[in-house]
Amino acid sequence: MSNSLAYTYIYPWLQDFKELTKFRLAVSVVFSSIAGYLLGVDEFHLGNLILLALGGYAMVGASNAFNQIIEKDLDAKMKRTKNRPIPSGSMTVNTAFVIASILTIIGLSLLFVINPITAMFGAISIFLYVSVYTPLKTMTPLSVFVGAFPGAIPFMLGWVAATGSFGIEAGTLFMIQFFWQFPHFWSLGWWLYDDYKEGGFFMLPTGKRDKGTAIQIILYTIWTLIVSIVPVLGVTGELKLSIVSAVLIFSLGLVMLYFAIRLFKNRETKDARQLMLASVSYITLIQIIYVLDKYIRIWL
């Protein structure tokens, strides 16, 4: 009886919660924050790491929930989003708003326990994502530029949580993820162009799947690659990178650049999808490399 009850009520609710908070995206954001924390911390505190993970998930989940409330009518028009909890009718707007509000309070509170500046950046991220980026998505391609700011905060947020300060190190981590946003979201916008068009979203810089968009993707991919290896020059304070790791990151960047150039040549949807997947692999792998590089240098 209890198993039947769980399957009937609890499991569907958990599934709706995961969809509302975009579980996989939220976990990837938490991963970035943890990587930043491990890079910045001198004396490891498990409690702070747990607070960062839970608080980070709550903040991202709240942002996504508010976003889905605002875009509920547009989500209903797109194949990719029409089965989300609100447009599908499995969750009411009021319920989603309560969940988003509670997550905001929980997230800010947990991050504030770590230190106030971490909570401040978390609050800025929610505000920019919900109040600026979300409404701009149906107005102008510049929404991607605005969205790149909250999107770039997680990697930097981990460093701030570990150190309690914002300096050139946190700024560098911010810039890495900031420039990465453009080839990532433009390739996604290219791949899902028709679906986004149904929802009235403007994601590509020229508004079209043309050479102008492809050239900008290449340029921002190059900027991403350059910024990612800047710490090897020793100009970013306590954020350092060995030559070996810089070569690895540069090689990963070349792979991403290859897919960007191929998109420019072919302008095929499949090429955009491959670039999008390459960009996800890139940001994940370079964060792992950064962390491993730090601790290998410590141990050696």
Protein backbone atom coordinates (compact mmCIF):
# COMPACT_ATOMS: atom_id res chain seq x y z
CA MET A 1 0.00 0.00 0.00
CA SER A 2 2.81 2.38 0.93
CA ASN A 3 4.66 1.62 -2.32
CA SER A 4 1.49 2.30 -4.29
CA LEU A 5 1.02 5.59 -2.46
CA ALA A 6 4.59 6.63 -3.15
CA TYR A 7 4.28 5.76 -6.84
CA THR A 8 0.95 7.56 -7.17
CA TYR A 9 1.76 10.78 -5.33
CA ILE A 10 5.38 11.19 -4.24
CA TYR A 11 7.16 10.03 -7.39
CA PRO A 12 5.17 12.28 -9.79
CA TRP A 13 5.69 15.25 -7.46
CA LEU A 14 9.45 14.63 -7.37
CA GLN A 15 9.50 14.39 -11.15
CA ASP A 16 7.65 17.70 -11.42
CA PHE A 17 10.06 19.26 -8.91
CA LYS A 18 13.04 18.06 -10.94
CA GLU A 19 11.52 19.50 -14.13
CA LEU A 20 10.58 22.78 -12.47
CA THR A 21 14.08 23.29 -11.06
CA LYS A 22 15.80 21.81 -14.16
CA PHE A 23 17.65 19.19 -12.15
CA ARG A 24 20.45 18.41 -14.61
CA LEU A 25 21.19 22.09 -15.25
CA ALA A 26 21.11 22.84 -11.53
CA VAL A 27 23.51 19.97 -10.80
CA SER A 28 25.93 21.22 -13.47
CA VAL A 29 25.83 24.68 -11.88
CA VAL A 30 26.51 23.18 -8.45
CA PHE A 31 29.43 21.26 -9.99
CA SER A 32 30.92 24.55 -11.24
CA SER A 33 30.51 26.14 -7.81
CA ILE A 34 32.19 23.20 -6.10
CA ALA A 35 35.09 23.39 -8.57
CA GLY A 36 35.49 27.09 -7.79
CA TYR A 37 35.37 26.35 -4.06
CA LEU A 38 38.08 23.70 -4.31
CA LEU A 39 40.26 26.12 -6.26
CA GLY A 40 39.90 28.89 -3.70
CA VAL A 41 39.94 27.04 -0.39
CA ASP A 42 43.08 26.73 1.74
CA GLU A 43 41.51 24.84 4.62
CA PHE A 44 38.72 22.51 3.53
CA HIS A 45 35.39 22.77 5.40
CA LEU A 46 32.90 20.04 4.51
CA GLY A 47 30.07 22.00 6.11
CA ASN A 48 30.63 25.00 3.86
CA LEU A 49 30.84 22.77 0.80
CA ILE A 50 27.49 21.18 1.67
CA LEU A 51 25.96 24.62 2.27
CA LEU A 52 27.29 25.78 -1.10
CA ALA A 53 25.89 22.74 -2.91
CA LEU A 54 22.45 22.93 -1.30
CA GLY A 55 22.27 26.71 -1.44
CA GLY A 56 23.47 26.75 -5.03
CA TYR A 57 20.87 24.19 -6.10
CA ALA A 58 18.14 26.15 -4.32
CA MET A 59 19.13 29.40 -6.03
CA VAL A 60 19.31 27.84 -9.50
CA GLY A 61 16.09 25.92 -8.88
CA ALA A 62 14.33 29.12 -7.81
CA SER A 63 15.53 30.95 -10.91
CA ASN A 64 14.31 28.17 -13.19
CA ALA A 65 10.97 27.96 -11.40
CA PHE A 66 10.32 31.69 -11.68
CA ASN A 67 11.40 31.50 -15.33
CA GLN A 68 8.87 28.76 -16.06
CA ILE A 69 6.10 30.72 -14.35
CA ILE A 70 6.81 33.75 -16.55
CA GLU A 71 7.17 31.69 -19.73
CA LYS A 72 4.34 29.22 -19.15
CA ASP A 73 2.34 30.30 -22.21
CA LEU A 74 5.41 30.30 -24.44
CA ASP A 75 6.54 26.92 -23.13
CA ALA A 76 3.18 25.47 -24.17
CA LYS A 77 3.97 26.35 -27.80
CA MET A 78 7.30 24.51 -27.99
CA LYS A 79 7.81 20.76 -28.34
CA ARG A 80 10.81 20.85 -26.04
CA THR A 81 8.95 22.52 -23.16
CA LYS A 82 5.24 21.78 -23.56
CA ASN A 83 5.40 18.87 -21.10
CA ARG A 84 6.90 20.94 -18.29
CA PRO A 85 4.81 20.88 -15.08
CA ILE A 86 2.99 24.20 -15.54
CA PRO A 87 2.03 24.08 -19.25
CA SER A 88 1.13 20.38 -18.96
CA GLY A 89 -1.19 21.15 -16.04
CA SER A 90 0.49 18.85 -13.52
CA MET A 91 1.44 21.84 -11.34
CA THR A 92 -0.37 25.13 -10.77
CA VAL A 93 1.28 28.51 -11.05
CA ASN A 94 0.58 29.16 -7.36
CA THR A 95 2.32 25.95 -6.33
CA ALA A 96 5.31 26.76 -8.53
CA PHE A 97 5.49 30.28 -7.07
CA VAL A 98 5.47 28.93 -3.51
CA ILE A 99 8.25 26.46 -4.37
CA ALA A 100 10.31 29.17 -6.08
CA SER A 101 9.87 31.55 -3.14
CA ILE A 102 10.82 28.92 -0.56
CA LEU A 103 13.88 27.91 -2.58
CA THR A 104 14.95 31.56 -2.80
CA ILE A 105 14.74 31.98 0.97
CA ILE A 106 16.53 28.69 1.63
CA GLY A 107 19.23 29.39 -0.96
CA LEU A 108 19.98 32.91 0.27
CA SER A 109 20.01 31.77 3.88
CA LEU A 110 22.42 28.89 3.27
CA LEU A 111 24.77 31.04 1.20
CA PHE A 112 24.63 33.81 3.82
CA VAL A 113 25.81 31.32 6.46
CA ILE A 114 28.94 30.80 4.36
CA ASN A 115 29.51 34.54 4.02
CA PRO A 116 27.39 37.58 3.06
CA ILE A 117 29.18 38.27 -0.25
CA THR A 118 28.32 34.77 -1.50
CA ALA A 119 24.65 35.39 -0.72
CA MET A 120 24.85 38.77 -2.45
CA PHE A 121 26.12 37.24 -5.69
CA GLY A 122 23.47 34.54 -5.43
CA ALA A 123 20.76 37.19 -5.11
CA ILE A 124 22.20 39.14 -8.05
CA SER A 125 22.13 35.96 -10.13
CA ILE A 126 18.44 35.33 -9.44
CA PHE A 127 17.50 38.94 -10.10
CA LEU A 128 19.35 39.15 -13.43
CA TYR A 129 18.08 35.78 -14.63
CA VAL A 130 14.44 36.29 -13.71
CA SER A 131 13.91 40.03 -13.99
CA VAL A 132 16.20 40.96 -16.88
CA TYR A 133 17.26 37.94 -18.95
CA THR A 134 13.89 36.18 -19.03
CA PRO A 135 11.79 39.08 -20.38
CA LEU A 136 14.52 40.07 -22.85
CA LYS A 137 14.47 36.62 -24.50
CA THR A 138 11.40 37.58 -26.52
CA MET A 139 12.63 41.08 -27.31
CA THR A 140 16.25 41.00 -28.44
CA PRO A 141 19.21 38.68 -29.15
CA LEU A 142 21.08 40.76 -26.56
CA SER A 143 19.30 38.60 -23.98
CA VAL A 144 22.15 36.09 -24.37
CA PHE A 145 24.65 38.79 -23.38
CA VAL A 146 22.57 39.67 -20.31
CA GLY A 147 22.05 36.00 -19.45
CA ALA A 148 25.78 35.39 -19.63
CA PHE A 149 26.23 37.39 -16.40
CA PRO A 150 24.16 35.17 -14.08
CA GLY A 151 25.34 32.17 -16.08
CA ALA A 152 28.98 33.01 -15.34
CA ILE A 153 28.53 33.47 -11.60
CA PRO A 154 28.65 29.81 -10.38
CA PHE A 155 32.36 29.10 -11.07
CA MET A 156 33.30 32.40 -9.45
CA LEU A 157 30.80 31.92 -6.61
CA GLY A 158 32.69 28.89 -5.35
CA TRP A 159 35.89 30.92 -5.02
CA VAL A 160 34.03 33.68 -3.17
CA ALA A 161 32.48 31.09 -0.84
CA ALA A 162 35.94 29.71 -0.08
CA THR A 163 37.74 33.03 0.41
CA GLY A 164 35.03 35.52 1.37
CA SER A 165 36.35 38.02 -1.17
CA PHE A 166 36.17 38.93 -4.85
CA GLY A 167 39.47 39.57 -6.59
CA ILE A 168 41.27 38.90 -9.84
CA GLU A 169 41.03 35.14 -9.23
CA ALA A 170 37.24 35.13 -8.96
CA GLY A 171 37.07 37.62 -11.83
CA THR A 172 39.08 35.28 -14.06
CA LEU A 173 36.83 32.33 -13.27
CA PHE A 174 33.86 34.57 -14.06
CA MET A 175 35.32 35.58 -17.43
CA ILE A 176 36.01 31.98 -18.43
CA GLN A 177 32.40 30.97 -17.96
CA PHE A 178 31.13 34.31 -19.31
CA PHE A 179 32.75 33.95 -22.74
CA TRP A 180 31.88 30.25 -22.84
CA GLN A 181 28.16 31.13 -22.61
CA PHE A 182 28.09 32.57 -26.15
CA PRO A 183 29.20 29.60 -28.28
CA HIS A 184 27.22 27.33 -25.96
CA PHE A 185 23.88 29.15 -26.14
CA TRP A 186 24.23 30.25 -29.76
CA SER A 187 24.88 26.65 -30.84
CA LEU A 188 21.88 25.60 -28.75
CA GLY A 189 19.81 28.40 -30.32
CA TRP A 190 20.91 27.27 -33.79
CA TRP A 191 20.10 23.62 -33.08
CA LEU A 192 16.65 24.40 -31.64
CA TYR A 193 15.98 27.40 -33.89
CA ASP A 194 12.56 26.30 -35.12
CA ASP A 195 11.34 25.43 -31.64
CA TYR A 196 12.58 28.73 -30.21
CA LYS A 197 10.91 30.54 -33.11
CA GLU A 198 7.57 28.97 -32.16
CA GLY A 199 7.99 30.38 -28.67
CA GLY A 200 9.03 33.80 -29.96
CA PHE A 201 12.56 33.66 -28.53
CA PHE A 202 15.46 35.56 -30.11
CA MET A 203 18.63 33.63 -29.34
CA LEU A 204 20.97 34.09 -32.31
CA PRO A 205 22.99 37.33 -32.62
CA THR A 206 21.82 38.05 -36.18
CA GLY A 207 18.44 36.44 -35.65
CA LYS A 208 19.26 33.88 -38.33
CA ARG A 209 21.24 30.68 -38.86
CA ASP A 210 23.70 32.45 -41.14
CA LYS A 211 27.42 33.11 -41.57
CA GLY A 212 27.23 36.19 -39.35
CA THR A 213 26.09 34.10 -36.40
CA ALA A 214 28.65 31.39 -37.20
CA ILE A 215 31.50 33.92 -37.33
CA GLN A 216 30.53 35.32 -33.92
CA ILE A 217 30.43 31.79 -32.52
CA ILE A 218 34.00 31.24 -33.77
CA LEU A 219 35.21 34.55 -32.31
CA TYR A 220 33.73 33.89 -28.87
CA THR A 221 35.09 30.35 -28.92
CA ILE A 222 38.57 31.81 -29.48
CA TRP A 223 38.05 34.28 -26.62
CA THR A 224 36.94 31.42 -24.38
CA LEU A 225 40.06 29.46 -25.25
CA ILE A 226 42.37 32.42 -24.57
CA VAL A 227 40.80 33.41 -21.25
CA SER A 228 40.85 29.79 -20.09
CA ILE A 229 44.66 29.60 -20.23
CA VAL A 230 45.50 33.12 -18.99
CA PRO A 231 46.37 31.84 -15.46
CA VAL A 232 49.41 30.02 -16.91
CA LEU A 233 51.01 33.47 -17.35
CA GLY A 234 51.05 34.04 -13.58
CA VAL A 235 49.03 37.26 -13.75
CA THR A 236 45.90 36.07 -11.94
CA GLY A 237 47.00 36.13 -8.31
CA GLU A 238 46.52 32.87 -6.44
CA LEU A 239 44.75 31.27 -9.39
CA LYS A 240 47.51 29.41 -11.19
CA LEU A 241 47.81 26.88 -13.97
CA SER A 242 50.73 24.67 -14.97
CA ILE A 243 52.00 24.53 -18.55
CA VAL A 244 50.87 20.91 -18.90
CA SER A 245 47.32 21.76 -17.85
CA ALA A 246 47.29 24.84 -20.08
CA VAL A 247 48.24 22.65 -23.05
CA LEU A 248 45.43 20.22 -22.19
CA ILE A 249 42.90 23.04 -21.92
CA PHE A 250 44.17 24.60 -25.15
CA SER A 251 43.77 21.23 -26.90
CA LEU A 252 40.19 20.93 -25.64
CA GLY A 253 39.56 24.45 -26.88
CA LEU A 254 40.84 23.50 -30.33
CA VAL A 255 38.34 20.65 -30.44
CA MET A 256 35.56 23.07 -29.64
CA LEU A 257 36.91 25.51 -32.23
CA TYR A 258 36.94 22.71 -34.82
CA PHE A 259 33.20 22.18 -34.35
CA ALA A 260 32.60 25.94 -34.50
CA ILE A 261 34.49 26.18 -37.82
CA ARG A 262 32.60 23.17 -39.16
CA LEU A 263 29.33 24.90 -38.29
CA PHE A 264 30.54 27.95 -40.24
CA LYS A 265 31.34 25.80 -43.27
CA ASN A 266 28.27 23.57 -43.31
CA ARG A 267 25.63 25.54 -41.37
CA GLU A 268 23.87 22.28 -40.56
CA THR A 269 21.72 21.67 -37.49
CA LYS A 270 23.73 18.55 -36.63
CA ASP A 271 26.92 20.61 -36.52
CA ALA A 272 25.31 23.05 -34.07
CA ARG A 273 24.26 20.15 -31.85
CA GLN A 274 27.77 18.71 -31.89
CA LEU A 275 29.22 22.10 -30.97
CA MET A 276 26.75 22.44 -28.12
CA LEU A 277 27.74 19.02 -26.76
CA ALA A 278 31.42 19.87 -27.21
CA SER A 279 30.93 23.08 -25.26
CA VAL A 280 29.36 21.20 -22.34
CA SER A 281 32.26 18.75 -22.32
CA TYR A 282 34.73 21.62 -22.52
CA ILE A 283 33.52 23.58 -19.49
CA THR A 284 33.21 20.42 -17.40
CA LEU A 285 36.64 19.06 -18.30
CA ILE A 286 38.54 22.33 -17.85
CA GLN A 287 37.05 22.76 -14.38
CA ILE A 288 38.24 19.27 -13.49
CA ILE A 289 41.68 20.05 -14.94
CA TYR A 290 41.92 23.29 -12.95
CA VAL A 291 41.12 21.48 -9.69
CA LEU A 292 43.44 18.54 -10.37
CA ASP A 293 46.21 20.92 -11.41
CA LYS A 294 46.02 22.80 -8.10
CA TYR A 295 46.17 19.72 -5.90
CA ILE A 296 48.79 17.91 -7.95
CA ARG A 297 51.02 20.97 -7.61
CA ILE A 298 50.37 20.99 -3.85
CA TRP A 299 51.17 17.31 -3.47
CA LEU A 300 54.32 17.61 -5.55
